[in-house]
Every structure is written in structure tokens, then in C-alpha cells.
Amino acid sequence: MLSFIPYSRQLIDDADIEEVVRILKSDWLTQGPKVKEFEEALAAYCGAKYATVFSSGTAALHAAYFVTDINKDDEIITSPITFLSTANAALFLGAYPVFVDIEINTGSINPDLVERAITKKTKAVVPVDYAGHPADLEKIAEIAKKYNLLLIEDACHALGAEYKGKKIGNYKYSDMTVFSFHPVKPITTGEGGAVLTNNKEYYEKLIMFRQHGVTKNPKKFLNKSLSFPPHTSHLTPRANHWYYEMQFLGYNYRLTDIQCALGISQLKKLDKFIERRRQIVKIYKEAFENNDFFNLPVEKNYAKSSWHLYPIRLKDKYKDKKKEIFAKLREKGLGVQVHYIPVYWQPYYQKLGYKKGICPNAEDFYEREVSIPLYPKMSDEDIEYVVGTVLRVFKEI
């Protein structure tokens, strides 16, 4: 058993290491064949036409917003119970996040509250698949269609999860889905992210955005208002290997072949990782069911969660003792965490004029939530220790 059991961590095995070493010994370290191979494997796994990988989940969100022309003074509707990137990526482009309250039992955006938040400035709805549990995408998609809005799904927690029997990212409902490959996520590339879509125009712009806005095939660029330079208009890419054009201001958001080799190896084991997470969740449910201390996370009948997190919610009697409980669990070797402080509580957002109290369920959720350890590398001994320690600490409070 580990002396300190974190709330999550990666599982890297010898096969992963061998794949990375193979690339380190090859001619390609970055932007080689493994990038395309990883993208094709992701798209095939999820059931999408196109996948574009990025240097982080944040970069992937930024790219998704950019290629859908989210711009200055536009608004996106999203959840405050998320990591900062979901909202920050809108601010990068001069747009404004509008926060809608959550369902208290899932931690995801409440679809029944979305419509009333729509204004003439709204460009997109960005649901967050909190803790790996899909938001109610069908309901949100109906609203988005009614108002001609984009649906960009922040599924950074949810690779491998399912909604109504289909893998997240399959595009029945979302225009784009964003994933993260940070070490605590379902699979890892160290850092990394991806955008999946069925829209070819978005796909081509996503590729350009991650490489400085540059293309080597200007005739394919979708913005017809930008003319092809007269002195090169007779040339094709094959006839002019050195020529390239920067069509818009992009970024260096590329993922390396080294990272993609790790991603390909990890993706092959994703279903096993999730199955192990589900086994641990079953043990937790049996051990903690009907306890007097905290409520358990749910899995709705439309969802198969990837169980990225296991967020317990303190009952009324213990809500005001969260700091004490958190500290005691850490003292006992459990690397518990809190997911998340509502985004608009952050000092930067307060300076922008966001006020506390706008999403009471989200604020109550934050005041009660504690994430206890859950990851595939946990041993049976680790799990037993977590269960025993959690129950002992609460009984001693």
C-alpha cells in the first residue's frame, strides 16, 4: 500500500515505456506519423470523423472556441463547477462566460436552466461532463438547435464515458467534444488534449490553429476573402514544397510524437482502466451506502460514467466541518481534493464583475464536496484502507 494515496494518478506500464523509447530512437520526435495515428485511433474509438490533438486540454478548448468564431463580446453558457480553462478559453477571445447552476446530484449543468440564460450575444452552450458523468446532452442539444447555438462539450473528464449507449465524442449531439490527457485523466500523454468533430471545416482550421495559423495548402483555406498570392497562384503544394502561408493568428499548440506514442498505448487500455474504476466504485457504494455522513455520486440511467472522480457530498451535519474532515483525511494518508471552487469566485472573475450567489447549487456543492481516491492503479489494500479511514475519520468528528 502507498504511504500516501492521491485522489488520482496515472498508470504507466512497461508497454507504454517501450513505445516511448521506440520513438526516442526514431527519426521523428514531434509532428511525425504518431500524431496522425493517435488522432485516427481517437476518432475511431469515439465514433467521430476527425480528431485533432493539442498540447493540453486548455489549448484544445481555446482552439474549439476559435474555429467556431466565438469572438469579442460573444457569450458562452457553461457550468461554474469546472476547472478554470472552460471559462478562461472564452476570455482569451474576448468572449464572456455566463454561468448556469448545476444539478446537485451530478455536479453537471442543469439543462432546465440553460434556456433562461440565453441572450442575443449567446454563441455556444458548453456543458461539462463533471467527474466523467455525461451532462444531459440530448436536452441541451434541443435547446441549442432551437436557438441556433453551438454545443461544444467539455469532456475533459469523460473519455470512454457513454451517453445513451454511445461513446462520448460520437457527435450525435455535440458540434465538438474536447478531451484532456493530463496524468489524472482516463488516459495520459503527460500533458495533452484533443478536439473531435464531424465538421471538416472545423477540422482543417483546428490543425492550422495549433501550428501558428499556418497552412502549406492555401487553396484549401476556407476563408475565401483571403486571396491566394499572385506570384504563387500557379503553384500546387507538390510543386512548391517550401511555400507556406499564415492565414490567421494561431498558436504553437502541437503535441509531440513522443506523447502520441504514449497516448496510442494508453488508449488500447482505456476500457480496462474504466472497468477497474467501476469495480472500485462498486466497492465504495457497498461500503458507504446509507451512511450518516455524506451522499454518494450518482450514475443516471442515460449515462455510463468514466468515473474520473469520486466526489462525496457532506450531509448537513458535517458541511461546516469540511476543513477539519479534509485535514484529518490528509493526515491519515489520503490525498483528498476538492473539485471545484466555483469559477466566478476567483479573484480575477470578481474583478470582472461576477458576483457570488448567482449559482446557489454550485456554491452549496463546493461547500460539501470532497474527492476521495479513485484510479486504476489502486490495489485492493489501498481501497480497503480508503474505506476504513474515511469511516473512522467521520466517526471521530
Protein backbone atom coordinates (compact mmCIF):
# COMPACT_ATOMS: atom_id res chain seq x y z
CA MET A 1 0.00 0.00 0.00
CA LEU A 2 1.18 3.54 -0.75
CA SER A 3 2.04 5.67 2.28
CA PHE A 4 0.04 8.47 0.65
CA ILE A 5 -2.87 7.62 -1.66
CA PRO A 6 -3.62 10.54 -4.02
CA TYR A 7 -7.10 11.25 -5.32
CA SER A 8 -5.87 10.12 -8.76
CA ARG A 9 -2.72 9.20 -10.66
CA GLN A 10 -1.59 7.72 -13.96
CA LEU A 11 -0.98 4.04 -14.68
CA ILE A 12 2.12 3.66 -16.85
CA ASP A 13 3.37 0.14 -17.62
CA ASP A 14 6.30 -1.40 -19.49
CA ALA A 15 4.39 -1.42 -22.79
CA ASP A 16 3.90 2.36 -22.54
CA ILE A 17 7.59 2.88 -21.77
CA GLU A 18 8.66 0.68 -24.69
CA GLU A 19 6.53 2.68 -27.12
CA VAL A 20 8.01 5.97 -25.93
CA VAL A 21 11.58 4.62 -26.09
CA ARG A 22 10.92 3.39 -29.64
CA ILE A 23 10.05 6.95 -30.69
CA LEU A 24 13.07 8.39 -28.88
CA LYS A 25 15.23 6.10 -31.03
CA SER A 26 13.41 7.02 -34.25
CA ASP A 27 13.81 9.89 -36.72
CA TRP A 28 10.64 11.65 -35.51
CA LEU A 29 10.22 13.26 -32.12
CA THR A 30 7.49 15.76 -32.96
CA GLN A 31 4.83 16.18 -35.65
CA GLY A 32 5.60 12.84 -37.23
CA PRO A 33 3.42 9.82 -38.08
CA LYS A 34 2.42 9.04 -34.48
CA VAL A 35 0.37 12.25 -34.27
CA LYS A 36 -1.88 11.18 -37.13
CA GLU A 37 -2.02 7.62 -35.82
CA PHE A 38 -3.17 8.80 -32.39
CA GLU A 39 -5.76 11.12 -33.92
CA GLU A 40 -7.19 8.35 -36.09
CA ALA A 41 -7.31 5.94 -33.14
CA LEU A 42 -9.15 8.52 -31.00
CA ALA A 43 -11.68 9.26 -33.73
CA ALA A 44 -12.30 5.56 -34.31
CA TYR A 45 -12.70 4.81 -30.60
CA CYS A 46 -15.26 7.58 -30.10
CA GLY A 47 -17.05 7.26 -33.43
CA ALA A 48 -16.14 10.69 -34.84
CA LYS A 49 -14.85 11.60 -38.29
CA TYR A 50 -12.00 13.82 -37.15
CA ALA A 51 -9.71 14.24 -34.14
CA THR A 52 -7.07 16.93 -33.67
CA VAL A 53 -4.64 16.67 -30.77
CA PHE A 54 -3.23 19.62 -28.82
CA SER A 55 -0.63 20.34 -26.17
CA SER A 56 -3.25 20.48 -23.38
CA GLY A 57 -6.98 20.36 -22.72
CA THR A 58 -6.87 24.14 -22.27
CA ALA A 59 -5.32 24.58 -25.72
CA ALA A 60 -7.98 22.27 -27.16
CA LEU A 61 -10.78 24.37 -25.61
CA HIS A 62 -9.18 27.57 -26.93
CA ALA A 63 -8.99 26.03 -30.41
CA ALA A 64 -12.60 24.81 -30.34
CA TYR A 65 -13.87 28.27 -29.42
CA PHE A 66 -11.66 29.95 -32.01
CA VAL A 67 -12.64 27.83 -35.02
CA THR A 68 -16.33 28.31 -34.27
CA ASP A 69 -15.78 32.10 -34.42
CA ILE A 70 -16.51 32.78 -30.77
CA ASN A 71 -15.30 36.34 -30.59
CA LYS A 72 -15.30 39.67 -28.79
CA ASP A 73 -18.46 40.30 -26.76
CA ASP A 74 -19.98 36.88 -27.59
CA GLU A 75 -21.24 34.78 -24.69
CA ILE A 76 -20.91 31.10 -23.88
CA ILE A 77 -23.12 29.33 -21.34
CA THR A 78 -21.31 26.90 -19.07
CA SER A 79 -21.06 25.45 -15.57
CA PRO A 80 -19.17 27.07 -12.69
CA ILE A 81 -18.19 23.63 -11.34
CA THR A 82 -15.27 23.02 -13.66
CA PHE A 83 -11.60 23.79 -13.95
CA LEU A 84 -10.85 27.38 -14.93
CA SER A 85 -9.98 26.53 -18.55
CA THR A 86 -13.59 26.03 -19.64
CA ALA A 87 -14.35 29.69 -18.95
CA ASN A 88 -10.86 31.14 -19.43
CA ALA A 89 -10.68 29.97 -23.04
CA ALA A 90 -13.66 32.22 -23.81
CA LEU A 91 -11.93 35.16 -22.15
CA PHE A 92 -8.85 34.52 -24.33
CA LEU A 93 -11.03 35.50 -27.31
CA GLY A 94 -12.77 38.45 -25.69
CA ALA A 95 -15.98 36.48 -25.08
CA TYR A 96 -17.81 36.18 -21.76
CA PRO A 97 -18.76 33.05 -19.83
CA VAL A 98 -22.30 33.02 -18.46
CA PHE A 99 -22.60 30.58 -15.57
CA VAL A 100 -25.67 28.39 -15.16
CA ASP A 101 -26.35 26.42 -11.99
CA ILE A 102 -25.86 22.67 -11.65
CA GLU A 103 -27.77 19.54 -10.79
CA ILE A 104 -26.76 18.90 -7.21
CA ASN A 105 -26.53 15.11 -7.62
CA THR A 106 -24.34 15.02 -10.77
CA GLY A 107 -22.43 18.30 -10.50
CA SER A 108 -23.18 18.96 -14.19
CA ILE A 109 -25.06 21.90 -15.68
CA ASN A 110 -28.83 21.81 -15.16
CA PRO A 111 -30.37 21.71 -18.67
CA ASP A 112 -33.65 23.11 -17.33
CA LEU A 113 -31.87 26.39 -16.52
CA VAL A 114 -30.00 26.85 -19.79
CA GLU A 115 -32.73 28.46 -21.88
CA ARG A 116 -33.34 31.36 -19.50
CA ALA A 117 -29.63 32.31 -19.71
CA ILE A 118 -29.67 32.76 -23.50
CA THR A 119 -29.32 36.29 -24.86
CA LYS A 120 -28.72 37.82 -28.28
CA LYS A 121 -24.99 37.53 -27.57
CA THR A 122 -25.02 33.79 -26.81
CA LYS A 123 -22.90 31.82 -29.28
CA ALA A 124 -22.48 28.43 -27.63
CA VAL A 125 -23.52 26.16 -24.79
CA VAL A 126 -20.56 24.36 -23.19
CA PRO A 127 -21.71 21.59 -20.84
CA VAL A 128 -19.08 19.96 -18.64
CA ASP A 129 -19.12 16.19 -18.10
CA TYR A 130 -18.24 16.58 -14.45
CA ALA A 131 -16.29 13.71 -12.83
CA GLY A 132 -16.75 11.67 -16.02
CA HIS A 133 -20.56 11.66 -15.87
CA PRO A 134 -22.05 12.99 -19.13
CA ALA A 135 -24.29 16.02 -18.95
CA ASP A 136 -27.80 15.51 -20.33
CA LEU A 137 -26.71 16.17 -23.90
CA GLU A 138 -29.98 15.46 -25.68
CA LYS A 139 -31.87 18.09 -23.67
CA ILE A 140 -29.08 20.62 -24.15
CA ALA A 141 -28.83 19.87 -27.88
CA GLU A 142 -32.57 20.52 -28.31
CA ILE A 143 -32.15 23.96 -26.74
CA ALA A 144 -29.04 24.70 -28.81
CA LYS A 145 -30.85 23.76 -32.02
CA LYS A 146 -33.88 25.87 -31.11
CA TYR A 147 -31.72 28.99 -30.76
CA ASN A 148 -29.16 28.11 -33.46
CA LEU A 149 -26.34 27.79 -30.92
CA LEU A 150 -23.21 25.66 -30.95
CA LEU A 151 -22.86 22.79 -28.50
CA ILE A 152 -19.22 22.38 -27.51
CA GLU A 153 -18.83 19.61 -24.95
CA ASP A 154 -16.11 19.89 -22.33
CA ALA A 155 -15.50 16.18 -21.86
CA CYS A 156 -12.03 16.59 -20.35
CA HIS A 157 -13.12 14.20 -17.56
CA ALA A 158 -15.07 11.82 -19.76
CA LEU A 159 -13.06 9.98 -22.41
CA GLY A 160 -14.55 6.48 -22.52
CA ALA A 161 -17.85 7.51 -20.91
CA GLU A 162 -21.15 6.82 -22.67
CA TYR A 163 -24.38 8.74 -23.18
CA LYS A 164 -27.43 6.68 -24.14
CA GLY A 165 -25.26 3.78 -25.26
CA LYS A 166 -22.83 5.79 -27.42
CA LYS A 167 -19.28 6.85 -26.59
CA ILE A 168 -18.82 10.49 -25.70
CA GLY A 169 -17.45 12.20 -28.81
CA ASN A 170 -19.63 10.35 -31.33
CA TYR A 171 -21.35 13.58 -32.47
CA LYS A 172 -24.98 12.75 -32.31
CA TYR A 173 -25.45 15.84 -30.14
CA SER A 174 -22.27 17.95 -29.90
CA ASP A 175 -20.63 20.03 -32.63
CA MET A 176 -17.29 19.41 -30.96
CA THR A 177 -16.04 17.44 -27.96
CA VAL A 178 -12.89 18.34 -26.03
CA PHE A 179 -10.75 15.84 -24.10
CA SER A 180 -7.74 16.17 -21.78
CA PHE A 181 -4.82 13.77 -21.32
CA HIS A 182 -3.40 15.17 -18.09
CA PRO A 183 -1.98 12.38 -15.85
CA VAL A 184 -5.09 12.19 -13.65
CA LYS A 185 -7.45 11.81 -16.65
CA PRO A 186 -8.71 8.48 -18.11
CA ILE A 187 -5.55 8.19 -20.23
CA THR A 188 -2.45 10.36 -20.29
CA THR A 189 0.10 11.77 -22.69
CA GLY A 190 1.79 13.72 -19.87
CA GLU A 191 0.01 16.89 -20.93
CA GLY A 192 -2.29 16.94 -23.92
CA GLY A 193 -5.78 17.36 -25.26
CA ALA A 194 -7.94 16.80 -28.33
CA VAL A 195 -10.94 18.16 -30.20
CA LEU A 196 -13.23 15.72 -32.00
CA THR A 197 -15.72 16.79 -34.65
CA ASN A 198 -17.57 15.64 -37.73
CA ASN A 199 -17.21 19.06 -39.36
CA LYS A 200 -14.43 19.10 -41.96
CA GLU A 201 -14.18 22.90 -41.96
CA TYR A 202 -13.62 22.98 -38.20
CA TYR A 203 -11.09 20.15 -38.51
CA GLU A 204 -8.97 21.96 -41.10
CA LYS A 205 -8.96 25.17 -39.06
CA LEU A 206 -8.12 23.26 -35.87
CA ILE A 207 -4.98 21.88 -37.49
CA MET A 208 -3.94 25.35 -38.60
CA PHE A 209 -4.71 26.92 -35.23
CA ARG A 210 -2.34 24.55 -33.42
CA GLN A 211 0.51 25.43 -35.80
CA HIS A 212 0.60 29.23 -35.83
CA GLY A 213 -2.31 29.65 -38.27
CA VAL A 214 -0.09 28.24 -40.99
CA THR A 215 -1.06 26.13 -43.99
CA LYS A 216 1.03 24.66 -46.79
CA ASN A 217 -2.04 24.32 -48.98
CA PRO A 218 -3.51 27.82 -49.21
CA LYS A 219 -6.07 26.95 -51.89
CA LYS A 220 -7.90 24.79 -49.36
CA PHE A 221 -8.19 27.58 -46.81
CA LEU A 222 -11.84 28.20 -46.12
CA ASN A 223 -11.85 31.99 -45.78
CA LYS A 224 -12.47 32.96 -49.40
CA SER A 225 -11.90 36.64 -48.63
CA LEU A 226 -8.16 35.97 -48.34
CA SER A 227 -6.71 35.85 -51.83
CA PHE A 228 -4.01 33.46 -52.96
CA PRO A 229 -0.81 35.46 -53.66
CA PRO A 230 -0.48 36.18 -57.40
CA HIS A 231 3.15 35.08 -57.59
CA THR A 232 2.27 31.62 -56.24
CA SER A 233 -1.21 31.10 -57.63
CA HIS A 234 0.07 28.77 -60.36
CA LEU A 235 1.84 26.50 -57.87
CA THR A 236 0.48 23.42 -56.14
CA PRO A 237 1.83 22.14 -52.82
CA ARG A 238 3.68 19.35 -54.62
CA ALA A 239 5.40 21.82 -56.94
CA ASN A 240 6.31 24.17 -54.12
CA HIS A 241 7.38 22.26 -51.00
CA TRP A 242 8.88 25.29 -49.27
CA TYR A 243 5.87 27.59 -49.54
CA TYR A 244 3.54 28.20 -46.60
CA GLU A 245 1.09 30.89 -45.50
CA MET A 246 -0.04 32.19 -42.14
CA GLN A 247 -3.75 32.87 -42.67
CA PHE A 248 -4.67 33.86 -39.10
CA LEU A 249 -3.02 34.27 -35.71
CA GLY A 250 -2.59 30.76 -34.37
CA TYR A 251 -0.50 29.23 -31.61
CA ASN A 252 2.12 26.57 -31.09
CA TYR A 253 -0.24 24.05 -29.50
CA ARG A 254 1.25 20.91 -31.04
CA LEU A 255 1.54 17.51 -29.40
CA THR A 256 4.74 15.51 -29.98
CA ASP A 257 5.24 12.04 -31.43
CA ILE A 258 6.70 11.06 -28.07
CA GLN A 259 3.45 11.97 -26.33
CA CYS A 260 1.27 10.47 -29.06
CA ALA A 261 3.11 7.15 -28.83
CA LEU A 262 2.22 7.10 -25.14
CA GLY A 263 -1.37 8.09 -25.99
CA ILE A 264 -1.78 5.27 -28.51
CA SER A 265 -0.51 2.74 -25.99
CA GLN A 266 -2.75 4.13 -23.23
CA LEU A 267 -5.84 4.24 -25.46
CA LYS A 268 -5.59 0.48 -26.02
CA LYS A 269 -6.06 0.01 -22.26
CA LEU A 270 -8.73 2.67 -21.69
CA ASP A 271 -11.66 0.25 -21.39
CA LYS A 272 -9.72 -1.81 -18.84
CA PHE A 273 -8.90 1.34 -16.90
CA ILE A 274 -12.56 2.32 -16.76
CA GLU A 275 -13.63 -1.19 -15.79
CA ARG A 276 -11.21 -1.07 -12.84
CA ARG A 277 -12.59 2.33 -11.85
CA ARG A 278 -16.10 0.86 -11.95
CA GLN A 279 -15.01 -2.05 -9.73
CA ILE A 280 -13.69 0.41 -7.15
CA VAL A 281 -16.89 2.47 -7.35
CA LYS A 282 -18.92 -0.67 -6.67
CA ILE A 283 -16.86 -1.37 -3.56
CA TYR A 284 -17.29 2.21 -2.39
CA LYS A 285 -21.03 2.09 -2.95
CA GLU A 286 -21.41 -1.10 -0.95
CA ALA A 287 -19.18 0.20 1.85
CA PHE A 288 -20.66 3.69 2.10
CA GLU A 289 -24.31 3.19 1.15
CA ASN A 290 -26.83 4.71 3.58
CA ASN A 291 -24.11 6.21 5.76
CA ASP A 292 -24.95 9.16 8.02
CA PHE A 293 -22.01 11.31 6.92
CA PHE A 294 -22.13 12.03 3.18
CA ASN A 295 -24.04 11.48 -0.06
CA LEU A 296 -22.57 9.38 -2.86
CA PRO A 297 -22.21 10.39 -6.51
CA VAL A 298 -24.89 9.03 -8.83
CA GLU A 299 -24.94 7.50 -12.28
CA LYS A 300 -28.12 8.37 -14.14
CA ASN A 301 -29.87 5.82 -16.33
CA TYR A 302 -28.79 7.59 -19.54
CA ALA A 303 -25.10 7.54 -18.60
CA LYS A 304 -22.11 5.28 -18.18
CA SER A 305 -19.60 7.39 -16.31
CA SER A 306 -15.86 7.10 -16.83
CA TRP A 307 -15.59 7.80 -13.06
CA HIS A 308 -12.75 10.28 -13.37
CA LEU A 309 -13.55 11.41 -9.81
CA TYR A 310 -15.42 10.07 -6.81
CA PRO A 311 -16.97 13.22 -5.29
CA ILE A 312 -18.73 12.68 -1.98
CA ARG A 313 -21.01 15.46 -0.64
CA LEU A 314 -21.13 16.14 3.10
CA LYS A 315 -24.54 15.97 4.74
CA ASP A 316 -25.87 18.98 6.65
CA LYS A 317 -24.41 17.95 9.99
CA TYR A 318 -20.89 17.83 8.53
CA LYS A 319 -20.98 20.66 5.98
CA ASP A 320 -19.42 23.18 8.37
CA LYS A 321 -16.72 20.69 9.35
CA LYS A 322 -15.27 20.27 5.86
CA LYS A 323 -11.88 21.83 6.65
CA GLU A 324 -11.44 19.60 9.68
CA ILE A 325 -12.52 16.47 7.80
CA PHE A 326 -10.27 17.33 4.85
CA ALA A 327 -7.26 17.89 7.12
CA LYS A 328 -7.79 14.66 9.08
CA LEU A 329 -8.13 12.58 5.90
CA ARG A 330 -4.86 14.04 4.65
CA GLU A 331 -3.18 13.37 7.98
CA LYS A 332 -4.19 9.72 7.57
CA GLY A 333 -2.54 9.50 4.13
CA LEU A 334 -5.49 10.12 1.80
CA GLY A 335 -4.74 12.74 -0.84
CA VAL A 336 -8.30 14.02 -0.98
CA GLN A 337 -9.07 17.07 -3.11
CA VAL A 338 -11.94 19.48 -3.82
CA HIS A 339 -13.46 19.81 -7.31
CA TYR A 340 -14.10 22.73 -7.69
CA ILE A 341 -14.22 26.23 -6.27
CA PRO A 342 -16.91 27.92 -8.44
CA VAL A 343 -15.06 29.67 -11.26
CA TYR A 344 -16.70 33.04 -10.65
CA TRP A 345 -15.49 33.04 -7.03
CA GLN A 346 -11.92 33.50 -8.28
CA PRO A 347 -10.44 36.98 -7.66
CA TYR A 348 -9.91 37.58 -11.38
CA TYR A 349 -13.59 36.91 -12.13
CA GLN A 350 -14.68 39.01 -9.18
CA LYS A 351 -12.72 41.92 -10.70
CA LEU A 352 -14.63 41.37 -13.95
CA GLY A 353 -17.87 41.96 -12.08
CA TYR A 354 -19.12 38.43 -11.39
CA LYS A 355 -20.92 38.22 -8.05
CA LYS A 356 -21.18 35.41 -5.54
CA GLY A 357 -24.64 33.89 -5.13
CA ILE A 358 -25.54 33.56 -8.83
CA CYS A 359 -25.45 29.74 -8.76
CA PRO A 360 -26.57 28.62 -5.28
CA ASN A 361 -26.48 24.89 -6.03
CA ALA A 362 -22.91 25.16 -7.32
CA GLU A 363 -21.86 27.07 -4.23
CA ASP A 364 -23.53 24.56 -1.94
CA PHE A 365 -21.93 21.72 -3.91
CA TYR A 366 -18.49 23.25 -3.43
CA GLU A 367 -19.03 23.68 0.30
CA ARG A 368 -19.86 19.97 0.64
CA GLU A 369 -17.69 18.23 -1.99
CA VAL A 370 -14.59 16.15 -1.26
CA SER A 371 -12.99 13.85 -3.86
CA ILE A 372 -11.64 10.63 -2.37
CA PRO A 373 -9.06 8.42 -4.14
CA LEU A 374 -10.13 6.64 -7.31
CA TYR A 375 -7.76 5.44 -10.05
CA PRO A 376 -6.93 2.14 -11.81
CA LYS A 377 -3.58 1.58 -10.10
CA MET A 378 -5.20 1.32 -6.66
CA SER A 379 -4.60 -2.06 -5.06
CA ASP A 380 -7.25 -3.92 -3.07
CA GLU A 381 -5.25 -3.00 0.03
CA ASP A 382 -5.39 0.69 -0.97
CA ILE A 383 -9.16 0.52 -1.43
CA GLU A 384 -9.66 -1.22 1.92
CA TYR A 385 -7.54 1.45 3.60
CA VAL A 386 -9.52 4.29 1.98
CA VAL A 387 -12.85 2.82 3.08
CA GLY A 388 -11.71 2.17 6.63
CA THR A 389 -10.00 5.54 7.01
CA VAL A 390 -12.94 7.54 5.65
CA LEU A 391 -15.40 5.86 8.00
CA ARG A 392 -13.09 6.17 11.03
CA VAL A 393 -12.44 9.87 10.45
CA PHE A 394 -16.13 10.70 10.14
CA LYS A 395 -16.98 8.70 13.26
CA GLU A 396 -14.33 10.61 15.20
CA ILE A 397 -15.56 14.06 14.10
